[in-house]
N, C-alpha and C. Protein backbone atom coordinates (compact mmCIF):
# COMPACT_ATOMS: atom_id res chain seq x y z
N MET A 1 110.25 93.58 102.16
CA MET A 1 109.64 94.80 102.67
C MET A 1 108.14 94.76 102.43
N ALA A 2 107.73 94.38 101.24
CA ALA A 2 106.31 94.36 100.91
C ALA A 2 105.54 93.44 101.85
N LYS A 3 106.05 92.26 102.08
CA LYS A 3 105.37 91.29 102.94
C LYS A 3 105.28 91.82 104.37
N THR A 4 106.36 92.42 104.85
CA THR A 4 106.39 92.97 106.20
C THR A 4 105.35 94.06 106.38
N LEU A 5 105.15 94.86 105.34
CA LEU A 5 104.22 95.99 105.43
C LEU A 5 102.80 95.63 105.02
N GLY A 6 102.62 94.43 104.48
CA GLY A 6 101.28 94.01 104.07
C GLY A 6 100.82 94.66 102.78
N VAL A 7 101.78 94.99 101.91
CA VAL A 7 101.45 95.54 100.60
C VAL A 7 102.08 94.66 99.54
N ASN A 8 101.72 94.87 98.28
CA ASN A 8 102.33 94.03 97.25
C ASN A 8 103.62 94.65 96.73
N GLN A 9 104.41 93.84 96.05
CA GLN A 9 105.71 94.28 95.55
C GLN A 9 105.59 95.44 94.57
N THR A 10 104.53 95.46 93.80
CA THR A 10 104.31 96.55 92.85
C THR A 10 104.23 97.88 93.58
N THR A 11 103.55 97.90 94.72
CA THR A 11 103.42 99.13 95.50
C THR A 11 104.78 99.62 95.96
N VAL A 12 105.60 98.72 96.50
CA VAL A 12 106.94 99.10 96.95
C VAL A 12 107.77 99.60 95.76
N SER A 13 107.67 98.95 94.63
CA SER A 13 108.40 99.38 93.44
C SER A 13 107.99 100.79 93.02
N GLN A 14 106.69 101.08 93.11
CA GLN A 14 106.21 102.41 92.76
C GLN A 14 106.72 103.46 93.75
N TRP A 15 106.82 103.11 95.03
CA TRP A 15 107.40 104.03 96.01
C TRP A 15 108.84 104.34 95.64
N LEU A 16 109.60 103.29 95.35
CA LEU A 16 111.02 103.46 95.05
C LEU A 16 111.25 104.25 93.76
N ALA A 17 110.33 104.10 92.82
CA ALA A 17 110.45 104.81 91.54
C ALA A 17 109.90 106.24 91.63
N GLY A 18 109.29 106.59 92.76
CA GLY A 18 108.72 107.92 92.92
C GLY A 18 107.38 108.10 92.25
N LYS A 19 106.74 107.00 91.86
CA LYS A 19 105.43 107.08 91.20
C LYS A 19 104.29 107.20 92.21
N LYS A 20 104.50 106.69 93.41
CA LYS A 20 103.53 106.77 94.49
C LYS A 20 104.27 107.07 95.77
N LYS A 21 103.55 107.53 96.77
CA LYS A 21 104.13 107.76 98.08
C LYS A 21 103.40 106.88 99.09
N PRO A 22 104.15 106.34 100.05
CA PRO A 22 103.47 105.51 101.07
C PRO A 22 102.61 106.38 101.97
N GLY A 23 101.54 105.80 102.45
CA GLY A 23 100.66 106.50 103.38
C GLY A 23 101.24 106.52 104.78
N TYR A 24 100.60 107.25 105.67
CA TYR A 24 101.07 107.40 107.04
C TYR A 24 101.29 106.06 107.72
N ASP A 25 100.33 105.14 107.61
CA ASP A 25 100.45 103.85 108.29
C ASP A 25 101.65 103.07 107.77
N SER A 26 101.90 103.12 106.47
CA SER A 26 103.05 102.42 105.90
C SER A 26 104.36 103.06 106.35
N ILE A 27 104.40 104.38 106.39
CA ILE A 27 105.60 105.07 106.85
C ILE A 27 105.91 104.70 108.30
N LYS A 28 104.89 104.67 109.12
CA LYS A 28 105.06 104.31 110.53
C LYS A 28 105.61 102.89 110.66
N LEU A 29 105.05 101.97 109.91
CA LEU A 29 105.55 100.59 109.94
C LEU A 29 107.00 100.49 109.47
N ILE A 30 107.35 101.26 108.45
CA ILE A 30 108.71 101.23 107.92
C ILE A 30 109.71 101.62 109.01
N TYR A 31 109.48 102.74 109.68
CA TYR A 31 110.47 103.13 110.67
C TYR A 31 110.44 102.25 111.91
N GLU A 32 109.28 101.69 112.25
CA GLU A 32 109.23 100.77 113.37
C GLU A 32 109.98 99.47 113.04
N LYS A 33 109.74 98.93 111.86
CA LYS A 33 110.39 97.67 111.46
C LYS A 33 111.90 97.84 111.26
N LEU A 34 112.33 99.01 110.80
CA LEU A 34 113.75 99.27 110.58
C LEU A 34 114.46 99.73 111.86
N GLY A 35 113.69 100.07 112.87
CA GLY A 35 114.27 100.50 114.13
C GLY A 35 114.96 101.86 114.04
N VAL A 36 114.39 102.75 113.25
CA VAL A 36 114.93 104.10 113.11
C VAL A 36 113.86 105.11 113.46
N THR A 37 114.29 106.34 113.68
CA THR A 37 113.33 107.41 113.94
C THR A 37 112.81 107.95 112.61
N PRO A 38 111.67 108.62 112.62
CA PRO A 38 111.18 109.24 111.38
C PRO A 38 112.19 110.20 110.78
N ASN A 39 112.92 110.95 111.63
CA ASN A 39 113.91 111.89 111.11
C ASN A 39 114.99 111.18 110.31
N VAL A 40 115.46 110.05 110.79
CA VAL A 40 116.46 109.27 110.07
C VAL A 40 115.88 108.78 108.76
N LEU A 41 114.66 108.29 108.81
CA LEU A 41 114.01 107.77 107.60
C LEU A 41 113.91 108.84 106.52
N PHE A 42 113.63 110.07 106.92
CA PHE A 42 113.47 111.15 105.96
C PHE A 42 114.72 111.98 105.74
N GLY A 43 115.82 111.59 106.38
CA GLY A 43 117.09 112.28 106.18
C GLY A 43 117.14 113.67 106.80
N ILE A 44 116.45 113.84 107.92
CA ILE A 44 116.42 115.14 108.59
C ILE A 44 117.46 115.12 109.71
N ASP A 45 118.35 116.10 109.70
CA ASP A 45 119.34 116.21 110.77
C ASP A 45 118.70 116.82 112.00
N GLU A 46 119.02 116.26 113.13
CA GLU A 46 118.47 116.79 114.39
C GLU A 46 119.37 117.85 114.95
């Protein structure tokens, strides 16, 4: 995930641990690379 997003593994670990939040550009890349909508990524029911 880190390599795909162009960030280091420490950053991804901090996101997963809730110590940091990804920025808009990283969030956009995550849902594009995973092939999901932002709502799915954030657990929002449509």
